[in-house]
């Protein structure tokens, strides 16, 4: 298409990590599945989705790198995990949602304060939003957003950027709860659940 650079193909690699909340770097007992059918699907992403990924993924990786300096290992969920599991190539990504322990919120705020190009916003719903210009990444309390969920994680390589995601069943449970408790998002969550089955 005129005005759009051709997209480079990539491979998504999925790794399931046992009990990541006990050992964020654990890889013992993992399995790997290379998802070849996703190469075509993701390389045919809509221009809107591809633009959002091109902007957000490097920013997300920068924040993960900063967090690693203080031994904080956020887990992605929300839209980023959704497009990976649902193979959805049309939904634009407005932000990236991470999960971290609530007890590390102050450490995150102290870290972000060291970077002049970042700003943060505390919320009343157990979440911190971190901005770089118009780009937004949310850090949500894992104790509140995954309350009573026995979750697992998977490693995902998306456009050459590696992220730790909640597993698919956990993501589905998050959307089920959201559909029941957030009326204005009920329809959107139910549509996502249909694509995740």
N, C-alpha and C. Protein backbone atom coordinates (compact mmCIF):
# COMPACT_ATOMS: atom_id res chain seq x y z
N UNK A 1 0.84 -1.20 0.00
CA UNK A 1 0.00 0.00 0.00
C UNK A 1 0.88 1.25 0.00
N UNK A 2 0.41 2.29 -0.69
CA UNK A 2 1.15 3.53 -0.74
C UNK A 2 1.14 4.17 0.64
N UNK A 3 2.29 4.64 1.06
CA UNK A 3 2.38 5.31 2.34
C UNK A 3 2.65 4.42 3.52
N UNK A 4 2.73 3.11 3.27
CA UNK A 4 3.01 2.19 4.37
C UNK A 4 4.21 1.33 4.01
N UNK A 5 5.17 1.27 4.89
CA UNK A 5 6.32 0.42 4.67
C UNK A 5 5.94 -1.05 4.80
N UNK A 6 6.52 -1.93 3.99
CA UNK A 6 6.21 -3.35 4.13
C UNK A 6 6.65 -3.86 5.50
N UNK A 7 5.85 -4.72 6.10
CA UNK A 7 6.14 -5.24 7.43
C UNK A 7 7.01 -6.47 7.34
N UNK A 8 7.96 -6.57 8.22
CA UNK A 8 8.82 -7.74 8.25
C UNK A 8 8.11 -8.88 8.96
N UNK A 9 8.16 -10.09 8.41
CA UNK A 9 7.53 -11.22 9.10
C UNK A 9 8.27 -11.55 10.39
N UNK A 10 7.56 -12.12 11.33
CA UNK A 10 8.19 -12.50 12.58
C UNK A 10 7.53 -13.75 13.10
N UNK A 11 8.15 -14.39 14.07
CA UNK A 11 7.63 -15.62 14.65
C UNK A 11 7.28 -15.36 16.11
N UNK A 12 6.11 -15.82 16.51
CA UNK A 12 5.71 -15.73 17.90
C UNK A 12 6.08 -17.03 18.59
N UNK A 13 6.79 -16.94 19.68
CA UNK A 13 7.18 -18.12 20.44
C UNK A 13 6.51 -18.07 21.80
N UNK A 14 5.82 -19.14 22.15
CA UNK A 14 5.08 -19.18 23.40
C UNK A 14 5.77 -20.13 24.37
N UNK A 15 6.05 -19.65 25.57
CA UNK A 15 6.68 -20.47 26.60
C UNK A 15 5.85 -20.36 27.86
N UNK A 16 5.44 -21.47 28.41
CA UNK A 16 4.70 -21.44 29.67
C UNK A 16 5.68 -21.62 30.82
N UNK A 17 5.59 -20.71 31.78
CA UNK A 17 6.49 -20.70 32.92
C UNK A 17 5.72 -21.09 34.18
N UNK A 18 6.13 -22.14 34.89
CA UNK A 18 5.41 -22.55 36.10
C UNK A 18 5.69 -21.63 37.27
N UNK A 19 4.63 -21.29 38.00
CA UNK A 19 4.71 -20.49 39.22
C UNK A 19 5.61 -19.27 39.08
N UNK A 20 5.36 -18.41 38.06
CA UNK A 20 6.24 -17.26 37.84
C UNK A 20 6.23 -16.26 38.98
N UNK A 21 5.09 -16.21 39.74
CA UNK A 21 5.02 -15.25 40.83
C UNK A 21 5.99 -15.61 41.95
N UNK A 22 6.43 -16.88 41.97
CA UNK A 22 7.41 -17.29 42.97
C UNK A 22 8.84 -17.10 42.46
N UNK A 23 9.01 -17.19 41.17
CA UNK A 23 10.33 -17.02 40.58
C UNK A 23 10.16 -16.43 39.18
N UNK A 24 10.22 -15.09 39.03
CA UNK A 24 9.97 -14.45 37.75
C UNK A 24 10.87 -14.93 36.63
N UNK A 25 12.02 -15.46 36.94
CA UNK A 25 12.94 -15.90 35.90
C UNK A 25 12.89 -17.40 35.66
N UNK A 26 11.95 -18.07 36.32
CA UNK A 26 11.91 -19.54 36.23
C UNK A 26 11.62 -20.00 34.81
N UNK A 27 12.36 -20.98 34.34
CA UNK A 27 12.07 -21.58 33.05
C UNK A 27 12.07 -23.09 33.13
N UNK A 28 12.29 -23.62 34.33
CA UNK A 28 12.34 -25.06 34.48
C UNK A 28 10.98 -25.67 34.17
N UNK A 29 10.96 -26.71 33.37
CA UNK A 29 9.73 -27.41 33.07
C UNK A 29 8.86 -26.72 32.03
N UNK A 30 9.42 -25.77 31.25
CA UNK A 30 8.61 -25.07 30.28
C UNK A 30 8.44 -25.90 29.01
N UNK A 31 7.46 -25.49 28.20
CA UNK A 31 7.35 -26.05 26.87
C UNK A 31 7.29 -24.91 25.87
N UNK A 32 7.72 -25.16 24.66
CA UNK A 32 7.76 -24.12 23.63
C UNK A 32 6.88 -24.53 22.46
N UNK A 33 6.07 -23.62 21.98
CA UNK A 33 5.27 -23.85 20.80
C UNK A 33 5.51 -22.71 19.84
N UNK A 34 6.02 -22.98 18.67
CA UNK A 34 6.20 -21.95 17.67
C UNK A 34 4.92 -21.87 16.84
N UNK A 35 4.31 -20.71 16.79
CA UNK A 35 3.00 -20.56 16.18
C UNK A 35 3.17 -20.00 14.77
N UNK A 36 3.38 -20.86 13.79
CA UNK A 36 3.68 -20.40 12.45
C UNK A 36 2.49 -19.69 11.80
N UNK A 37 1.26 -20.09 12.14
CA UNK A 37 0.11 -19.45 11.51
C UNK A 37 -0.04 -18.01 11.93
N UNK A 38 0.58 -17.62 13.04
CA UNK A 38 0.48 -16.23 13.48
C UNK A 38 1.40 -15.31 12.69
N UNK A 39 2.36 -15.86 11.96
CA UNK A 39 3.28 -15.01 11.20
C UNK A 39 2.49 -14.20 10.19
N UNK A 40 1.65 -14.87 9.43
CA UNK A 40 0.86 -14.19 8.41
C UNK A 40 -0.16 -13.26 9.05
N UNK A 41 -0.81 -13.74 10.09
CA UNK A 41 -1.87 -12.95 10.70
C UNK A 41 -1.34 -11.63 11.24
N UNK A 42 -0.24 -11.67 11.98
CA UNK A 42 0.27 -10.45 12.58
C UNK A 42 0.93 -9.55 11.54
N UNK A 43 1.53 -10.13 10.51
CA UNK A 43 2.15 -9.30 9.49
C UNK A 43 1.11 -8.61 8.63
N UNK A 44 -0.16 -9.07 8.70
CA UNK A 44 -1.26 -8.44 7.99
C UNK A 44 -2.10 -7.56 8.91
N UNK A 45 -1.53 -7.12 10.01
CA UNK A 45 -2.25 -6.27 10.94
C UNK A 45 -2.75 -5.01 10.23
N UNK A 46 -3.85 -4.48 10.73
CA UNK A 46 -4.36 -3.23 10.16
C UNK A 46 -3.33 -2.13 10.39
N UNK A 47 -3.32 -1.11 9.52
CA UNK A 47 -2.36 -0.01 9.72
C UNK A 47 -2.49 0.63 11.09
N UNK A 48 -3.75 0.72 11.60
CA UNK A 48 -3.95 1.34 12.91
C UNK A 48 -3.31 0.51 14.02
N UNK A 49 -3.51 -0.83 13.95
CA UNK A 49 -2.92 -1.68 14.98
C UNK A 49 -1.40 -1.67 14.87
N UNK A 50 -0.88 -1.75 13.65
CA UNK A 50 0.57 -1.80 13.49
C UNK A 50 1.22 -0.52 13.99
N UNK A 51 0.58 0.62 13.74
CA UNK A 51 1.13 1.89 14.21
C UNK A 51 1.17 1.91 15.74
N UNK A 52 0.08 1.44 16.37
CA UNK A 52 0.05 1.44 17.83
C UNK A 52 1.11 0.51 18.39
N UNK A 53 1.32 -0.64 17.75
CA UNK A 53 2.36 -1.56 18.20
C UNK A 53 3.74 -0.96 18.02
N UNK A 54 3.97 -0.33 16.88
CA UNK A 54 5.28 0.28 16.61
C UNK A 54 5.62 1.34 17.64
N UNK A 55 4.62 2.05 18.13
CA UNK A 55 4.85 3.10 19.12
C UNK A 55 4.98 2.54 20.54
N UNK A 56 4.07 1.63 20.89
CA UNK A 56 3.97 1.18 22.28
C UNK A 56 4.98 0.11 22.68
N UNK A 57 5.28 -0.82 21.77
CA UNK A 57 6.15 -1.93 22.16
C UNK A 57 7.54 -1.48 22.59
N UNK A 58 8.22 -0.60 21.85
CA UNK A 58 9.53 -0.14 22.32
C UNK A 58 9.44 0.59 23.66
N UNK A 59 8.37 1.37 23.84
CA UNK A 59 8.19 2.07 25.12
C UNK A 59 7.99 1.06 26.25
N UNK A 60 7.18 0.05 25.99
CA UNK A 60 6.97 -0.99 26.99
C UNK A 60 8.25 -1.70 27.36
N UNK A 61 9.07 -2.00 26.36
CA UNK A 61 10.34 -2.67 26.64
C UNK A 61 11.29 -1.76 27.41
N UNK A 62 11.26 -0.46 27.13
CA UNK A 62 12.08 0.47 27.91
C UNK A 62 11.69 0.42 29.39
N UNK A 63 10.39 0.45 29.65
CA UNK A 63 9.93 0.43 31.04
C UNK A 63 10.29 -0.90 31.72
N UNK A 64 10.18 -1.99 30.98
CA UNK A 64 10.56 -3.28 31.55
C UNK A 64 12.05 -3.30 31.90
N UNK A 65 12.85 -2.69 31.03
CA UNK A 65 14.29 -2.62 31.30
C UNK A 65 14.57 -1.79 32.55
N UNK A 66 13.86 -0.67 32.69
CA UNK A 66 14.02 0.15 33.89
C UNK A 66 13.61 -0.64 35.14
N UNK A 67 12.49 -1.34 35.04
CA UNK A 67 11.99 -2.11 36.18
C UNK A 67 12.96 -3.21 36.60
N UNK A 68 13.63 -3.78 35.63
CA UNK A 68 14.57 -4.86 35.93
C UNK A 68 15.70 -4.37 36.83
N UNK A 69 16.02 -3.08 36.72
CA UNK A 69 17.08 -2.51 37.55
C UNK A 69 16.74 -2.60 39.04
N UNK A 70 15.47 -2.66 39.35
CA UNK A 70 15.05 -2.73 40.76
C UNK A 70 14.40 -4.10 41.05
N UNK A 71 14.74 -5.08 40.22
CA UNK A 71 14.22 -6.45 40.41
C UNK A 71 12.69 -6.50 40.45
N UNK A 72 12.09 -5.75 39.55
CA UNK A 72 10.64 -5.75 39.38
C UNK A 72 10.35 -6.30 37.99
N UNK A 73 9.47 -7.31 37.91
CA UNK A 73 9.24 -8.01 36.65
C UNK A 73 7.74 -8.01 36.32
N UNK A 74 7.27 -6.95 35.68
CA UNK A 74 5.85 -6.82 35.37
C UNK A 74 5.36 -7.90 34.40
N UNK A 75 4.09 -8.25 34.55
CA UNK A 75 3.42 -9.24 33.71
C UNK A 75 2.36 -8.51 32.89
N UNK A 76 2.38 -8.69 31.58
CA UNK A 76 1.40 -8.01 30.72
C UNK A 76 0.10 -8.80 30.64
N UNK A 77 -1.00 -8.06 30.56
CA UNK A 77 -2.30 -8.69 30.30
C UNK A 77 -3.09 -7.70 29.45
N UNK A 78 -4.41 -7.72 29.50
CA UNK A 78 -5.18 -6.75 28.73
C UNK A 78 -5.03 -6.92 27.23
N UNK A 79 -5.05 -5.80 26.52
CA UNK A 79 -5.11 -5.84 25.05
C UNK A 79 -3.90 -6.50 24.40
N UNK A 80 -2.72 -6.30 24.97
CA UNK A 80 -1.53 -6.91 24.37
C UNK A 80 -1.64 -8.43 24.41
N UNK A 81 -2.05 -8.97 25.56
CA UNK A 81 -2.24 -10.41 25.66
C UNK A 81 -3.39 -10.87 24.78
N UNK A 82 -4.42 -10.06 24.69
CA UNK A 82 -5.59 -10.42 23.88
C UNK A 82 -5.23 -10.61 22.41
N UNK A 83 -4.52 -9.63 21.81
CA UNK A 83 -4.23 -9.78 20.38
C UNK A 83 -3.30 -10.96 20.12
N UNK A 84 -2.47 -11.30 21.11
CA UNK A 84 -1.58 -12.45 20.96
C UNK A 84 -2.39 -13.75 20.94
N UNK A 85 -3.26 -13.93 21.91
CA UNK A 85 -4.01 -15.18 22.03
C UNK A 85 -5.15 -15.29 21.01
N UNK A 86 -5.81 -14.17 20.71
CA UNK A 86 -6.94 -14.20 19.80
C UNK A 86 -6.51 -14.07 18.34
N UNK A 87 -5.24 -13.76 18.13
CA UNK A 87 -4.75 -13.56 16.76
C UNK A 87 -5.55 -12.46 16.08
N UNK A 88 -5.90 -11.44 16.85
CA UNK A 88 -6.71 -10.33 16.36
C UNK A 88 -5.79 -9.33 15.68
N UNK A 89 -6.00 -9.13 14.39
CA UNK A 89 -5.11 -8.24 13.65
C UNK A 89 -5.73 -6.90 13.30
N UNK A 90 -6.85 -6.57 13.95
CA UNK A 90 -7.51 -5.31 13.63
C UNK A 90 -7.64 -4.37 14.82
N UNK A 91 -7.71 -4.90 16.04
CA UNK A 91 -7.93 -4.06 17.22
C UNK A 91 -6.71 -3.19 17.52
N UNK A 92 -6.84 -1.86 17.48
CA UNK A 92 -5.71 -0.99 17.85
C UNK A 92 -5.41 -1.13 19.34
N UNK A 93 -4.17 -0.94 19.71
CA UNK A 93 -3.75 -1.02 21.11
C UNK A 93 -3.51 0.40 21.61
N UNK A 94 -4.34 0.82 22.57
CA UNK A 94 -4.22 2.19 23.08
C UNK A 94 -3.19 2.32 24.19
N UNK A 95 -2.91 1.21 24.87
CA UNK A 95 -1.91 1.23 25.94
C UNK A 95 -1.49 -0.21 26.22
N UNK A 96 -0.55 -0.37 27.12
CA UNK A 96 -0.14 -1.69 27.59
C UNK A 96 -0.44 -1.75 29.08
N UNK A 97 -1.05 -2.85 29.50
CA UNK A 97 -1.37 -3.05 30.91
C UNK A 97 -0.43 -4.08 31.52
N UNK A 98 0.23 -3.69 32.59
CA UNK A 98 1.11 -4.59 33.33
C UNK A 98 0.54 -4.84 34.72
N UNK A 99 0.93 -5.95 35.30
CA UNK A 99 0.58 -6.30 36.68
C UNK A 99 1.86 -6.35 37.52
N UNK A 100 1.83 -5.72 38.69
CA UNK A 100 2.95 -5.80 39.62
C UNK A 100 2.38 -5.89 41.03
N UNK A 101 3.18 -6.36 41.99
CA UNK A 101 2.70 -6.37 43.39
C UNK A 101 2.43 -4.95 43.88
N UNK A 102 1.35 -4.79 44.60
CA UNK A 102 0.98 -3.47 45.10
C UNK A 102 2.05 -2.90 46.02
N UNK A 103 2.75 -3.78 46.72
CA UNK A 103 3.79 -3.33 47.65
C UNK A 103 4.97 -2.69 46.91
N UNK A 104 5.03 -2.86 45.58
CA UNK A 104 6.12 -2.27 44.81
C UNK A 104 5.72 -0.95 44.13
N UNK A 105 4.51 -0.47 44.40
CA UNK A 105 4.07 0.78 43.77
C UNK A 105 5.03 1.93 44.06
N UNK A 106 5.43 2.07 45.31
CA UNK A 106 6.30 3.19 45.67
C UNK A 106 7.66 3.06 44.99
N UNK A 107 8.16 1.85 44.86
CA UNK A 107 9.42 1.64 44.14
C UNK A 107 9.29 2.09 42.70
N UNK A 108 8.13 1.77 42.08
CA UNK A 108 7.90 2.18 40.70
C UNK A 108 7.86 3.70 40.57
N UNK A 109 7.17 4.35 41.49
CA UNK A 109 7.09 5.82 41.44
C UNK A 109 8.46 6.46 41.59
N UNK A 110 9.25 5.93 42.49
CA UNK A 110 10.61 6.45 42.68
C UNK A 110 11.45 6.26 41.43
N UNK A 111 11.27 5.11 40.78
CA UNK A 111 12.01 4.82 39.55
C UNK A 111 11.62 5.78 38.44
N UNK A 112 10.32 5.93 38.22
CA UNK A 112 9.83 6.79 37.13
C UNK A 112 10.28 8.23 37.35
N UNK A 113 10.35 8.66 38.60
CA UNK A 113 10.74 10.04 38.91
C UNK A 113 12.16 10.38 38.47
N UNK A 114 12.96 9.36 38.21
CA UNK A 114 14.35 9.59 37.81
C UNK A 114 14.48 9.94 36.33
N UNK A 115 13.41 9.76 35.57
CA UNK A 115 13.49 9.96 34.11
C UNK A 115 12.66 11.18 33.71
N UNK A 116 13.33 12.19 33.15
CA UNK A 116 12.67 13.45 32.84
C UNK A 116 11.62 13.32 31.74
N UNK A 117 11.73 12.31 30.90
CA UNK A 117 10.76 12.16 29.82
C UNK A 117 9.53 11.35 30.21
N UNK A 118 9.48 10.92 31.48
CA UNK A 118 8.34 10.15 31.96
C UNK A 118 7.57 10.95 33.00
N UNK A 119 6.27 10.73 33.05
CA UNK A 119 5.44 11.29 34.10
C UNK A 119 4.44 10.22 34.53
N UNK A 120 3.95 10.33 35.74
CA UNK A 120 3.02 9.31 36.21
C UNK A 120 1.76 9.93 36.79
N UNK A 121 0.74 9.09 36.86
CA UNK A 121 -0.54 9.51 37.43
C UNK A 121 -1.04 8.38 38.33
N UNK A 122 -1.23 8.69 39.59
CA UNK A 122 -1.80 7.71 40.51
C UNK A 122 -3.32 7.73 40.39
N UNK A 123 -3.95 6.58 40.55
CA UNK A 123 -5.40 6.49 40.44
C UNK A 123 -6.01 6.04 41.77
N UNK A 124 -7.33 6.01 41.79
CA UNK A 124 -8.03 5.55 42.98
C UNK A 124 -8.43 4.08 42.86
N UNK A 125 -8.01 3.42 41.77
CA UNK A 125 -8.41 2.03 41.56
C UNK A 125 -7.19 1.09 41.45
N UNK A 126 -6.22 1.32 42.33
CA UNK A 126 -5.07 0.42 42.47
C UNK A 126 -4.28 0.27 41.16
N UNK A 127 -3.99 1.40 40.56
CA UNK A 127 -3.26 1.41 39.30
C UNK A 127 -2.44 2.68 39.19
N UNK A 128 -1.31 2.59 38.51
CA UNK A 128 -0.46 3.74 38.22
C UNK A 128 -0.28 3.83 36.72
N UNK A 129 -0.53 5.00 36.16
CA UNK A 129 -0.34 5.21 34.72
C UNK A 129 0.98 5.95 34.52
N UNK A 130 1.78 5.45 33.58
CA UNK A 130 3.07 6.07 33.28
C UNK A 130 3.07 6.51 31.83
N UNK A 131 3.38 7.80 31.61
CA UNK A 131 3.29 8.39 30.27
C UNK A 131 4.66 8.79 29.75
N UNK A 132 4.81 8.63 28.45
CA UNK A 132 5.92 9.26 27.71
C UNK A 132 5.25 9.95 26.52
N UNK A 133 5.12 11.26 26.61
CA UNK A 133 4.34 11.97 25.61
C UNK A 133 2.90 11.48 25.68
N UNK A 134 2.36 11.04 24.53
CA UNK A 134 0.99 10.54 24.48
C UNK A 134 0.90 9.04 24.74
N UNK A 135 2.03 8.38 24.90
CA UNK A 135 2.03 6.92 25.11
C UNK A 135 1.74 6.62 26.57
N UNK A 136 0.89 5.63 26.79
CA UNK A 136 0.49 5.31 28.17
C UNK A 136 0.68 3.83 28.47
N UNK A 137 1.22 3.57 29.65
CA UNK A 137 1.33 2.20 30.15
C UNK A 137 0.81 2.20 31.58
N UNK A 138 -0.04 1.22 31.89
CA UNK A 138 -0.63 1.12 33.23
C UNK A 138 0.01 -0.02 34.00
N UNK A 139 0.26 0.22 35.27
CA UNK A 139 0.75 -0.81 36.19
C UNK A 139 -0.34 -1.04 37.22
N UNK A 140 -0.98 -2.21 37.16
CA UNK A 140 -2.10 -2.53 38.03
C UNK A 140 -1.66 -3.47 39.15
N UNK A 141 -2.36 -3.38 40.25
CA UNK A 141 -2.06 -4.24 41.39
C UNK A 141 -2.46 -5.68 41.10
N UNK A 142 -1.50 -6.58 41.12
CA UNK A 142 -1.79 -7.97 40.81
C UNK A 142 -2.70 -8.60 41.86
N UNK A 143 -2.60 -8.12 43.10
CA UNK A 143 -3.45 -8.67 44.16
C UNK A 143 -4.92 -8.33 43.95
N UNK A 144 -5.18 -7.17 43.35
CA UNK A 144 -6.56 -6.74 43.12
C UNK A 144 -7.11 -7.24 41.79
N UNK A 145 -6.32 -7.17 40.75
CA UNK A 145 -6.82 -7.49 39.42
C UNK A 145 -6.81 -8.99 39.13
N UNK A 146 -6.01 -9.75 39.84
CA UNK A 146 -6.02 -11.21 39.69
C UNK A 146 -6.41 -11.88 41.01
N UNK A 147 -7.24 -11.22 41.79
CA UNK A 147 -7.61 -11.74 43.11
C UNK A 147 -8.22 -13.13 43.00
N UNK A 148 -7.65 -14.06 43.78
CA UNK A 148 -8.14 -15.45 43.87
C UNK A 148 -8.02 -16.22 42.56
N UNK A 149 -7.18 -15.76 41.64
CA UNK A 149 -6.94 -16.49 40.40
C UNK A 149 -5.59 -17.19 40.48
N UNK A 150 -5.60 -18.49 40.29
CA UNK A 150 -4.35 -19.27 40.27
C UNK A 150 -3.78 -19.19 38.86
N UNK A 151 -3.00 -18.15 38.61
CA UNK A 151 -2.58 -17.85 37.24
C UNK A 151 -1.22 -18.47 36.88
N UNK A 152 -1.00 -18.57 35.60
CA UNK A 152 0.31 -18.93 35.04
C UNK A 152 0.69 -17.83 34.06
N UNK A 153 1.92 -17.89 33.56
CA UNK A 153 2.34 -16.91 32.56
C UNK A 153 2.97 -17.62 31.37
N UNK A 154 3.09 -16.88 30.29
CA UNK A 154 3.77 -17.37 29.09
C UNK A 154 4.66 -16.26 28.55
N UNK A 155 5.77 -16.67 27.97
CA UNK A 155 6.64 -15.72 27.28
C UNK A 155 6.16 -15.57 25.85
N UNK A 156 6.09 -14.34 25.38
CA UNK A 156 5.65 -14.10 24.01
C UNK A 156 6.60 -13.13 23.33
N UNK A 157 6.97 -13.43 22.11
CA UNK A 157 7.78 -12.52 21.30
C UNK A 157 6.85 -11.86 20.29
N UNK A 158 6.68 -10.56 20.42
CA UNK A 158 5.76 -9.81 19.56
C UNK A 158 6.54 -8.72 18.84
N UNK A 159 6.62 -8.84 17.53
CA UNK A 159 7.38 -7.89 16.72
C UNK A 159 8.82 -7.72 17.22
N UNK A 160 9.41 -8.81 17.68
CA UNK A 160 10.80 -8.77 18.13
C UNK A 160 10.97 -8.30 19.56
N UNK A 161 9.88 -8.09 20.28
CA UNK A 161 9.93 -7.66 21.67
C UNK A 161 9.38 -8.76 22.56
N UNK A 162 10.12 -9.13 23.58
CA UNK A 162 9.72 -10.22 24.47
C UNK A 162 8.94 -9.69 25.67
N UNK A 163 7.79 -10.32 25.93
CA UNK A 163 6.96 -9.94 27.07
C UNK A 163 6.54 -11.19 27.83
N UNK A 164 6.33 -11.06 29.11
CA UNK A 164 5.70 -12.11 29.91
C UNK A 164 4.22 -11.77 30.02
N UNK A 165 3.37 -12.69 29.58
CA UNK A 165 1.92 -12.48 29.58
C UNK A 165 1.25 -13.41 30.58
N UNK A 166 0.07 -13.00 31.08
CA UNK A 166 -0.76 -13.97 31.79
C UNK A 166 -1.20 -15.03 30.78
N UNK A 167 -1.48 -16.23 31.27
CA UNK A 167 -1.93 -17.28 30.35
C UNK A 167 -3.34 -16.97 29.84
N UNK A 168 -3.74 -17.67 28.79
CA UNK A 168 -5.01 -17.39 28.12
C UNK A 168 -6.20 -17.57 29.04
N UNK A 169 -6.21 -18.63 29.86
CA UNK A 169 -7.35 -18.86 30.74
C UNK A 169 -7.48 -17.76 31.79
N UNK A 170 -6.37 -17.25 32.26
CA UNK A 170 -6.41 -16.14 33.21
C UNK A 170 -6.98 -14.90 32.56
N UNK A 171 -6.54 -14.61 31.33
CA UNK A 171 -7.06 -13.45 30.61
C UNK A 171 -8.57 -13.56 30.43
N UNK A 172 -9.05 -14.75 30.09
CA UNK A 172 -10.49 -14.96 29.92
C UNK A 172 -11.24 -14.70 31.23
N UNK A 173 -10.67 -15.14 32.34
CA UNK A 173 -11.32 -14.91 33.63
C UNK A 173 -11.36 -13.43 33.97
N UNK A 174 -10.30 -12.69 33.63
CA UNK A 174 -10.28 -11.24 33.85
C UNK A 174 -11.41 -10.58 33.06
N UNK A 175 -11.60 -10.99 31.81
CA UNK A 175 -12.66 -10.42 30.99
C UNK A 175 -14.04 -10.83 31.49
N UNK A 176 -14.18 -12.07 31.97
CA UNK A 176 -15.47 -12.49 32.53
C UNK A 176 -15.85 -11.61 33.72
N UNK A 177 -14.89 -11.38 34.59
CA UNK A 177 -15.15 -10.54 35.76
C UNK A 177 -15.46 -9.12 35.34
N UNK A 178 -14.70 -8.62 34.38
CA UNK A 178 -14.93 -7.26 33.90
C UNK A 178 -16.31 -7.09 33.30
N UNK A 179 -16.76 -8.08 32.55
CA UNK A 179 -18.08 -8.01 31.93
C UNK A 179 -19.18 -7.97 32.98
N UNK A 180 -18.92 -8.57 34.14
CA UNK A 180 -19.92 -8.62 35.21
C UNK A 180 -19.91 -7.39 36.10
N UNK A 181 -18.78 -6.70 36.13
CA UNK A 181 -18.63 -5.61 37.11
C UNK A 181 -18.47 -4.22 36.49
N UNK A 182 -18.19 -4.14 35.18
CA UNK A 182 -18.00 -2.84 34.53
C UNK A 182 -19.00 -2.73 33.39
N UNK A 183 -20.19 -2.18 33.67
CA UNK A 183 -21.27 -2.18 32.68
C UNK A 183 -20.91 -1.58 31.32
N UNK A 184 -20.18 -0.46 31.30
CA UNK A 184 -19.92 0.18 30.01
C UNK A 184 -18.89 -0.58 29.18
N UNK A 185 -18.21 -1.57 29.78
CA UNK A 185 -17.27 -2.39 29.02
C UNK A 185 -17.78 -3.81 28.78
N UNK A 186 -18.99 -4.09 29.23
CA UNK A 186 -19.51 -5.46 29.16
C UNK A 186 -19.51 -6.00 27.74
N UNK A 187 -20.03 -5.24 26.79
CA UNK A 187 -20.11 -5.73 25.41
C UNK A 187 -18.72 -5.98 24.83
N UNK A 188 -17.79 -5.05 25.04
CA UNK A 188 -16.44 -5.20 24.51
C UNK A 188 -15.76 -6.43 25.08
N UNK A 189 -15.93 -6.66 26.39
CA UNK A 189 -15.31 -7.83 27.01
C UNK A 189 -15.94 -9.13 26.51
N UNK A 190 -17.25 -9.14 26.30
CA UNK A 190 -17.89 -10.36 25.81
C UNK A 190 -17.46 -10.68 24.38
N UNK A 191 -17.26 -9.66 23.58
CA UNK A 191 -16.77 -9.88 22.20
C UNK A 191 -15.35 -10.46 22.23
N UNK A 192 -14.54 -9.96 23.15
CA UNK A 192 -13.18 -10.49 23.27
C UNK A 192 -13.20 -11.93 23.75
N UNK A 193 -14.09 -12.24 24.68
CA UNK A 193 -14.22 -13.61 25.16
C UNK A 193 -14.60 -14.56 24.03
N UNK A 194 -15.47 -14.11 23.15
CA UNK A 194 -15.87 -14.97 22.02
C UNK A 194 -14.67 -15.30 21.14
N UNK A 195 -13.79 -14.32 20.94
CA UNK A 195 -12.62 -14.54 20.07
C UNK A 195 -11.53 -15.34 20.77
N UNK A 196 -11.60 -15.41 22.09
CA UNK A 196 -10.59 -16.15 22.84
C UNK A 196 -10.96 -17.62 23.05
N UNK A 197 -12.18 -18.03 22.70
CA UNK A 197 -12.60 -19.41 22.91
C UNK A 197 -12.07 -20.32 21.83
